[in-house]
PDB file of N, CA and C in Angstrom:
ATOM      1  N   UNK A   1     -19.180  14.939-158.387  1.00  0.00           N
ATOM      2  CA  UNK A   1     -19.786  15.136-157.157  1.00  0.00           C
ATOM      3  C   UNK A   1     -19.457  16.654-156.234  1.00  0.00           C
ATOM      4  N   UNK A   2     -19.189  17.742-157.005  1.00  0.00           N
ATOM      5  CA  UNK A   2     -19.711  19.175-156.477  1.00  0.00           C
ATOM      6  C   UNK A   2     -21.124  19.085-156.648  1.00  0.00           C
ATOM      7  N   UNK A   3     -21.625  18.619-157.872  1.00  0.00           N
ATOM      8  CA  UNK A   3     -23.255  19.077-158.513  1.00  0.00           C
ATOM      9  C   UNK A   3     -23.799  17.982-156.982  1.00  0.00           C
ATOM     10  N   UNK A   4     -23.069  16.822-156.810  1.00  0.00           N
ATOM     11  CA  UNK A   4     -24.159  16.093-155.882  1.00  0.00           C
ATOM     12  C   UNK A   4     -24.018  17.009-154.574  1.00  0.00           C
ATOM     13  N   UNK A   5     -22.912  17.157-153.958  1.00  0.00           N
ATOM     14  CA  UNK A   5     -23.034  17.951-152.772  1.00  0.00           C
ATOM     15  C   UNK A   5     -23.581  19.037-152.886  1.00  0.00           C
ATOM     16  N   UNK A   6     -23.752  19.884-153.489  1.00  0.00           N
ATOM     17  CA  UNK A   6     -24.788  20.888-154.002  1.00  0.00           C
ATOM     18  C   UNK A   6     -26.069  20.694-154.025  1.00  0.00           C
ATOM     19  N   UNK A   7     -26.654  19.807-154.385  1.00  0.00           N
ATOM     20  CA  UNK A   7     -27.861  19.156-154.495  1.00  0.00           C
ATOM     21  C   UNK A   7     -27.945  18.657-153.106  1.00  0.00           C
ATOM     22  N   UNK A   8     -27.165  17.895-152.570  1.00  0.00           N
ATOM     23  CA  UNK A   8     -27.875  17.384-151.356  1.00  0.00           C
ATOM     24  C   UNK A   8     -27.935  18.539-150.186  1.00  0.00           C
ATOM     25  N   UNK A   9     -27.263  19.357-150.271  1.00  0.00           N
ATOM     26  CA  UNK A   9     -27.105  20.895-149.416  1.00  0.00           C
ATOM     27  C   UNK A   9     -28.327  21.338-149.633  1.00  0.00           C
ATOM     28  N   UNK A  10     -29.212  21.594-150.430  1.00  0.00           N
ATOM     29  CA  UNK A  10     -30.043  21.929-150.984  1.00  0.00           C
ATOM     30  C   UNK A  10     -31.670  20.939-150.298  1.00  0.00           C
ATOM     31  N   UNK A  11     -31.291  19.860-150.366  1.00  0.00           N
ATOM     32  CA  UNK A  11     -32.277  18.731-150.163  1.00  0.00           C
ATOM     33  C   UNK A  11     -32.301  18.928-148.883  1.00  0.00           C
ATOM     34  N   UNK A  12     -31.459  19.141-147.877  1.00  0.00           N
ATOM     35  CA  UNK A  12     -31.067  18.803-146.949  1.00  0.00           C
ATOM     36  C   UNK A  12     -32.012  20.101-146.000  1.00  0.00           C
ATOM     37  N   UNK A  13     -32.627  21.252-146.503  1.00  0.00           N
ATOM     38  CA  UNK A  13     -33.097  22.040-146.344  1.00  0.00           C
ATOM     39  C   UNK A  13     -34.740  21.753-145.826  1.00  0.00           C
ATOM     40  N   UNK A  14     -35.307  20.742-146.314  1.00  0.00           N
ATOM     41  CA  UNK A  14     -36.282  19.802-146.307  1.00  0.00           C
ATOM     42  C   UNK A  14     -36.321  19.896-144.560  1.00  0.00           C
ATOM     43  N   UNK A  15     -37.463  20.111-144.087  1.00  0.00           N
ATOM     44  CA  UNK A  15     -37.549  19.866-142.482  1.00  0.00           C
ATOM     45  C   UNK A  15     -38.055  18.457-141.865  1.00  0.00           C
ATOM     46  N   UNK A  16     -38.294  17.684-142.945  1.00  0.00           N
ATOM     47  CA  UNK A  16     -38.943  16.381-142.549  1.00  0.00           C
ATOM     48  C   UNK A  16     -37.188  15.176-142.657  1.00  0.00           C
ATOM     49  N   UNK A  17     -36.579  15.728-143.417  1.00  0.00           N
ATOM     50  CA  UNK A  17     -35.441  15.179-143.983  1.00  0.00           C
ATOM     51  C   UNK A  17     -34.256  14.556-142.526  1.00  0.00           C
ATOM     52  N   UNK A  18     -34.299  13.666-141.975  1.00  0.00           N
ATOM     53  CA  UNK A  18     -33.018  13.489-140.483  1.00  0.00           C
ATOM     54  C   UNK A  18     -32.186  13.564-141.004  1.00  0.00           C
ATOM     55  N   UNK A  19     -31.260  13.349-141.758  1.00  0.00           N
ATOM     56  CA  UNK A  19     -30.265  13.334-142.354  1.00  0.00           C
ATOM     57  C   UNK A  19     -29.734  12.860-143.600  1.00  0.00           C
ATOM     58  N   UNK A  20     -28.495  13.515-143.938  1.00  0.00           N
ATOM     59  CA  UNK A  20     -28.250  13.296-145.445  1.00  0.00           C
ATOM     60  C   UNK A  20     -26.447  13.035-145.363  1.00  0.00           C
ATOM     61  N   UNK A  21     -26.432  11.853-145.944  1.00  0.00           N
ATOM     62  CA  UNK A  21     -25.036  11.215-145.857  1.00  0.00           C
ATOM     63  C   UNK A  21     -24.752  11.037-147.118  1.00  0.00           C
ATOM     64  N   UNK A  22     -23.212  11.511-147.679  1.00  0.00           N
ATOM     65  CA  UNK A  22     -22.469  11.328-149.038  1.00  0.00           C
ATOM     66  C   UNK A  22     -21.629  10.747-148.867  1.00  0.00           C
ATOM     67  N   UNK A  23     -21.135   9.238-149.490  1.00  0.00           N
ATOM     68  CA  UNK A  23     -19.821   8.615-149.294  1.00  0.00           C
ATOM     69  C   UNK A  23     -19.298   8.217-150.955  1.00  0.00           C
ATOM     70  N   UNK A  24     -17.869   8.654-150.976  1.00  0.00           N
ATOM     71  CA  UNK A  24     -17.810   8.116-151.985  1.00  0.00           C
ATOM     72  C   UNK A  24     -16.720   6.774-152.207  1.00  0.00           C
ATOM     73  N   UNK A  25     -16.704   6.325-153.454  1.00  0.00           N
ATOM     74  CA  UNK A  25     -15.911   4.947-153.227  1.00  0.00           C
ATOM     75  C   UNK A  25     -14.663   5.127-153.457  1.00  0.00           C
ATOM     76  N   UNK A  26     -14.089   4.135-152.279  1.00  0.00           N
ATOM     77  CA  UNK A  26     -12.618   4.833-152.022  1.00  0.00           C
ATOM     78  C   UNK A  26     -11.432   4.370-153.443  1.00  0.00           C
ATOM     79  N   UNK A  27     -12.017   3.181-153.859  1.00  0.00           N
ATOM     80  CA  UNK A  27     -11.047   2.694-154.923  1.00  0.00           C
ATOM     81  C   UNK A  27     -11.741   3.081-156.626  1.00  0.00           C
ATOM     82  N   UNK A  28     -13.038   3.546-156.523  1.00  0.00           N
ATOM     83  CA  UNK A  28     -13.606   3.625-157.873  1.00  0.00           C
ATOM     84  C   UNK A  28     -13.793   5.051-157.877  1.00  0.00           C
ATOM     85  N   UNK A  29     -12.989   6.069-158.656  1.00  0.00           N
ATOM     86  CA  UNK A  29     -13.507   7.285-158.717  1.00  0.00           C
ATOM     87  C   UNK A  29     -14.740   7.634-159.260  1.00  0.00           C
ATOM     88  N   UNK A  30     -15.891   8.490-158.874  1.00  0.00           N
ATOM     89  CA  UNK A  30     -16.577   8.524-159.495  1.00  0.00           C
ATOM     90  C   UNK A  30     -18.214   7.744-158.853  1.00  0.00           C
ATOM     91  N   UNK A  31     -17.731   6.573-158.306  1.00  0.00           N
ATOM     92  CA  UNK A  31     -18.813   5.888-157.371  1.00  0.00           C
ATOM     93  C   UNK A  31     -19.054   6.571-156.037  1.00  0.00           C
ATOM     94  N   UNK A  32     -20.358   6.511-155.702  1.00  0.00           N
ATOM     95  CA  UNK A  32     -21.076   7.274-154.673  1.00  0.00           C
ATOM     96  C   UNK A  32     -22.121   6.606-153.884  1.00  0.00           C
ATOM     97  N   UNK A  33     -22.479   6.708-152.854  1.00  0.00           N
ATOM     98  CA  UNK A  33     -23.592   6.718-152.346  1.00  0.00           C
ATOM     99  C   UNK A  33     -24.132   8.002-151.694  1.00  0.00           C
ATOM    100  N   UNK A  34     -25.453   8.178-151.565  1.00  0.00           N
ATOM    101  CA  UNK A  34     -26.220   9.265-151.229  1.00  0.00           C
ATOM    102  C   UNK A  34     -27.366   8.501-150.050  1.00  0.00           C
ATOM    103  N   UNK A  35     -26.978   9.119-148.944  1.00  0.00           N
ATOM    104  CA  UNK A  35     -28.189   8.293-148.107  1.00  0.00           C
ATOM    105  C   UNK A  35     -29.545   9.484-147.672  1.00  0.00           C
ATOM    106  N   UNK A  36     -30.481   9.510-147.918  1.00  0.00           N
ATOM    107  CA  UNK A  36     -31.127  10.177-147.442  1.00  0.00           C
ATOM    108  C   UNK A  36     -32.212   9.462-145.962  1.00  0.00           C
ATOM    109  N   UNK A  37     -32.206  10.344-144.872  1.00  0.00           N
ATOM    110  CA  UNK A  37     -32.688   9.034-143.667  1.00  0.00           C
ATOM    111  C   UNK A  37     -33.935   9.915-143.343  1.00  0.00           C
ATOM    112  N   UNK A  38     -35.243   9.532-143.649  1.00  0.00           N
ATOM    113  CA  UNK A  38     -36.302   9.705-142.898  1.00  0.00           C
ATOM    114  C   UNK A  38     -37.172   8.985-141.865  1.00  0.00           C
ATOM    115  N   UNK A  39     -37.679   9.670-141.170  1.00  0.00           N
ATOM    116  CA  UNK A  39     -38.801   9.048-140.156  1.00  0.00           C
ATOM    117  C   UNK A  39     -40.314   8.661-140.613  1.00  0.00           C
ATOM    118  N   UNK A  40     -40.466   8.081-141.063  1.00  0.00           N
ATOM    119  CA  UNK A  40     -41.733   8.315-141.804  1.00  0.00           C
ATOM    120  C   UNK A  40     -42.242   6.613-141.698  1.00  0.00           C
ATOM    121  N   UNK A  41     -44.010   6.727-141.407  1.00  0.00           N
ATOM    122  CA  UNK A  41     -44.596   5.255-141.526  1.00  0.00           C
ATOM    123  C   UNK A  41     -44.590   4.543-142.671  1.00  0.00           C
ATOM    124  N   UNK A  42     -44.892   5.358-143.730  1.00  0.00           N
ATOM    125  CA  UNK A  42     -44.808   4.793-145.293  1.00  0.00           C
ATOM    126  C   UNK A  42     -44.015   5.196-146.024  1.00  0.00           C
ATOM    127  N   UNK A  43     -43.125   4.076-146.660  1.00  0.00           N
ATOM    128  CA  UNK A  43     -42.127   4.363-147.735  1.00  0.00           C
ATOM    129  C   UNK A  43     -42.305   3.932-148.855  1.00  0.00           C
ATOM    130  N   UNK A  44     -42.522   5.094-149.868  1.00  0.00           N
ATOM    131  CA  UNK A  44     -42.731   5.190-151.236  1.00  0.00           C
ATOM    132  C   UNK A  44     -41.829   3.922-152.028  1.00  0.00           C
ATOM    133  N   UNK A  45     -42.217   3.108-153.046  1.00  0.00           N
ATOM    134  CA  UNK A  45     -41.470   2.069-153.368  1.00  0.00           C
ATOM    135  C   UNK A  45     -40.202   2.814-154.012  1.00  0.00           C
ATOM    136  N   UNK A  46     -40.116   3.803-154.674  1.00  0.00           N
ATOM    137  CA  UNK A  46     -39.205   4.367-155.553  1.00  0.00           C
ATOM    138  C   UNK A  46     -38.357   5.233-155.030  1.00  0.00           C
ATOM    139  N   UNK A  47     -38.920   5.676-153.481  1.00  0.00           N
ATOM    140  CA  UNK A  47     -38.304   6.736-152.832  1.00  0.00           C
ATOM    141  C   UNK A  47     -38.877   7.867-152.596  1.00  0.00           C
ATOM    142  N   UNK A  48     -38.637   8.713-151.699  1.00  0.00           N
ATOM    143  CA  UNK A  48     -39.359  10.229-151.204  1.00  0.00           C
ATOM    144  C   UNK A  48     -39.486  11.031-152.510  1.00  0.00           C
ATOM    145  N   UNK A  49     -39.985  11.861-152.461  1.00  0.00           N
ATOM    146  CA  UNK A  49     -40.078  12.979-153.563  1.00  0.00           C
ATOM    147  C   UNK A  49     -38.950  13.882-153.719  1.00  0.00           C
ATOM    148  N   UNK A  50     -38.163  14.107-152.722  1.00  0.00           N
ATOM    149  CA  UNK A  50     -36.786  14.945-152.991  1.00  0.00           C
ATOM    150  C   UNK A  50     -35.865  13.761-153.342  1.00  0.00           C
ATOM    151  N   UNK A  51     -36.099  12.729-153.058  1.00  0.00           N
ATOM    152  CA  UNK A  51     -34.795  11.577-153.624  1.00  0.00           C
ATOM    153  C   UNK A  51     -35.107  11.697-155.138  1.00  0.00           C
ATOM    154  N   UNK A  52     -36.517  11.492-155.617  1.00  0.00           N
ATOM    155  CA  UNK A  52     -37.003  11.129-157.179  1.00  0.00           C
ATOM    156  C   UNK A  52     -36.123  12.753-158.004  1.00  0.00           C
ATOM    157  N   UNK A  53     -36.547  14.008-157.311  1.00  0.00           N
ATOM    158  CA  UNK A  53     -35.858  14.995-158.092  1.00  0.00           C
ATOM    159  C   UNK A  53     -34.632  14.979-158.057  1.00  0.00           C
ATOM    160  N   UNK A  54     -33.725  14.489-156.833  1.00  0.00           N
ATOM    161  CA  UNK A  54     -32.293  14.212-157.081  1.00  0.00           C
ATOM    162  C   UNK A  54     -31.943  13.282-158.293  1.00  0.00           C
ATOM    163  N   UNK A  55     -32.646  12.108-158.065  1.00  0.00           N
ATOM    164  CA  UNK A  55     -32.418  11.033-158.964  1.00  0.00           C
ATOM    165  C   UNK A  55     -32.571  11.674-160.487  1.00  0.00           C
ATOM    166  N   UNK A  56     -33.764  12.420-160.897  1.00  0.00           N
ATOM    167  CA  UNK A  56     -33.743  12.912-162.380  1.00  0.00           C
ATOM    168  C   UNK A  56     -32.585  14.027-162.456  1.00  0.00           C
ATOM    169  N   UNK A  57     -32.091  14.746-161.599  1.00  0.00           N
ATOM    170  CA  UNK A  57     -30.866  15.712-161.947  1.00  0.00           C
ATOM    171  C   UNK A  57     -29.879  14.646-162.099  1.00  0.00           C
ATOM    172  N   UNK A  58     -29.505  13.839-161.625  1.00  0.00           N
ATOM    173  CA  UNK A  58     -28.377  12.793-161.681  1.00  0.00           C
ATOM    174  C   UNK A  58     -28.425  11.937-162.692  1.00  0.00           C
ATOM    175  N   UNK A  59     -29.370  11.571-163.141  1.00  0.00           N
ATOM    176  CA  UNK A  59     -29.714  10.661-164.086  1.00  0.00           C
ATOM    177  C   UNK A  59     -29.022  11.227-165.800  1.00  0.00           C
ATOM    178  N   UNK A  60     -29.395  12.554-165.609  1.00  0.00           N
ATOM    179  CA  UNK A  60     -28.700  13.492-166.510  1.00  0.00           C
ATOM    180  C   UNK A  60     -27.566  13.579-166.857  1.00  0.00           C
ATOM    181  N   UNK A  61     -26.604  13.073-165.748  1.00  0.00           N
ATOM    182  CA  UNK A  61     -25.067  13.487-166.000  1.00  0.00           C
ATOM    183  C   UNK A  61     -24.322  11.758-165.367  1.00  0.00           C
ATOM    184  N   UNK A  62     -25.008  10.850-165.845  1.00  0.00           N
ATOM    185  CA  UNK A  62     -24.762   9.756-165.672  1.00  0.00           C
ATOM    186  C   UNK A  62     -25.178   8.925-164.512  1.00  0.00           C
ATOM    187  N   UNK A  63     -26.120   8.854-163.519  1.00  0.00           N
ATOM    188  CA  UNK A  63     -26.837   7.921-162.691  1.00  0.00           C
ATOM    189  C   UNK A  63     -26.986   6.658-163.246  1.00  0.00           C
ATOM    190  N   UNK A  64     -26.649   5.365-162.791  1.00  0.00           N
ATOM    191  CA  UNK A  64     -27.141   4.150-163.491  1.00  0.00           C
ATOM    192  C   UNK A  64     -27.733   3.201-162.496  1.00  0.00           C
ATOM    193  N   UNK A  65     -27.902   3.748-161.196  1.00  0.00           N
ATOM    194  CA  UNK A  65     -28.818   2.941-160.534  1.00  0.00           C
ATOM    195  C   UNK A  65     -28.891   3.557-158.935  1.00  0.00           C
ATOM    196  N   UNK A  66     -30.296   3.224-158.389  1.00  0.00           N
ATOM    197  CA  UNK A  66     -30.569   3.317-157.284  1.00  0.00           C
ATOM    198  C   UNK A  66     -31.495   2.560-156.228  1.00  0.00           C
ATOM    199  N   UNK A  67     -31.244   2.607-155.263  1.00  0.00           N
ATOM    200  CA  UNK A  67     -31.986   1.090-154.236  1.00  0.00           C
ATOM    201  C   UNK A  67     -32.891   2.079-153.176  1.00  0.00           C
ATOM    202  N   UNK A  68     -34.059   2.066-152.847  1.00  0.00           N
ATOM    203  CA  UNK A  68     -34.645   2.291-151.516  1.00  0.00           C
ATOM    204  C   UNK A  68     -34.023   1.274-150.367  1.00  0.00           C
ATOM    205  N   UNK A  69     -33.937   1.661-149.441  1.00  0.00           N
ATOM    206  CA  UNK A  69     -34.016   0.774-148.352  1.00  0.00           C
ATOM    207  C   UNK A  69     -34.336   1.019-147.164  1.00  0.00           C
ATOM    208  N   UNK A  70     -34.739   0.069-145.959  1.00  0.00           N
ATOM    209  CA  UNK A  70     -35.624   0.520-144.811  1.00  0.00           C
ATOM    210  C   UNK A  70     -34.805   0.079-143.672  1.00  0.00           C
ATOM    211  N   UNK A  71     -34.605   0.935-142.805  1.00  0.00           N
ATOM    212  CA  UNK A  71     -33.280   0.325-141.597  1.00  0.00           C
ATOM    213  C   UNK A  71     -34.478  -0.695-140.611  1.00  0.00           C
ATOM    214  N   UNK A  72     -33.669  -1.475-140.456  1.00  0.00           N
ATOM    215  CA  UNK A  72     -34.133  -2.512-139.448  1.00  0.00           C
ATOM    216  C   UNK A  72     -33.732  -2.807-138.108  1.00  0.00           C
ATOM    217  N   UNK A  73     -32.357  -2.365-137.907  1.00  0.00           N
ATOM    218  CA  UNK A  73     -31.842  -2.627-136.965  1.00  0.00           C
ATOM    219  C   UNK A  73     -30.812  -1.578-136.920  1.00  0.00           C
ATOM    220  N   UNK A  74     -30.474  -0.300-135.420  1.00  0.00           N
ATOM    221  CA  UNK A  74     -29.700   0.879-135.289  1.00  0.00           C
ATOM    222  C   UNK A  74     -28.832   0.415-133.803  1.00  0.00           C
ATOM    223  N   UNK A  75     -27.638   0.489-133.708  1.00  0.00           N
ATOM    224  CA  UNK A  75     -26.655   0.626-132.704  1.00  0.00           C
ATOM    225  C   UNK A  75     -26.149   1.695-132.438  1.00  0.00           C
ATOM    226  N   UNK A  76     -26.598   2.636-131.863  1.00  0.00           N
ATOM    227  CA  UNK A  76     -26.252   3.694-131.324  1.00  0.00           C
ATOM    228  C   UNK A  76     -24.901   3.735-130.357  1.00  0.00           C
ATOM    229  N   UNK A  77     -23.865   3.863-130.576  1.00  0.00           N
ATOM    230  CA  UNK A  77     -22.966   4.141-129.922  1.00  0.00           C
ATOM    231  C   UNK A  77     -22.374   5.710-129.712  1.00  0.00           C
ATOM    232  N   UNK A  78     -21.849   5.792-128.461  1.00  0.00           N
ATOM    233  CA  UNK A  78     -21.605   7.364-127.479  1.00  0.00           C
ATOM    234  C   UNK A  78     -20.578   7.495-127.335  1.00  0.00           C
TER     235      UNK A  78
END
């Protein structure tokens, strides 16, 4: 988790990245979700260049899967 958080902190320096979120699995130690939020017209099939660099690093320490998702709806609660 420490490596993941350090990596996300570095990736967050990318000015095009709107936000980055890290969630850890409540009941399964080691399970996590990393969410990178971009505002782009085109979505690369496998993810952004930044995400691909992060994935390459995380695969070396055991990452087994990733998914690229597109936001379809958002409800802003203030």
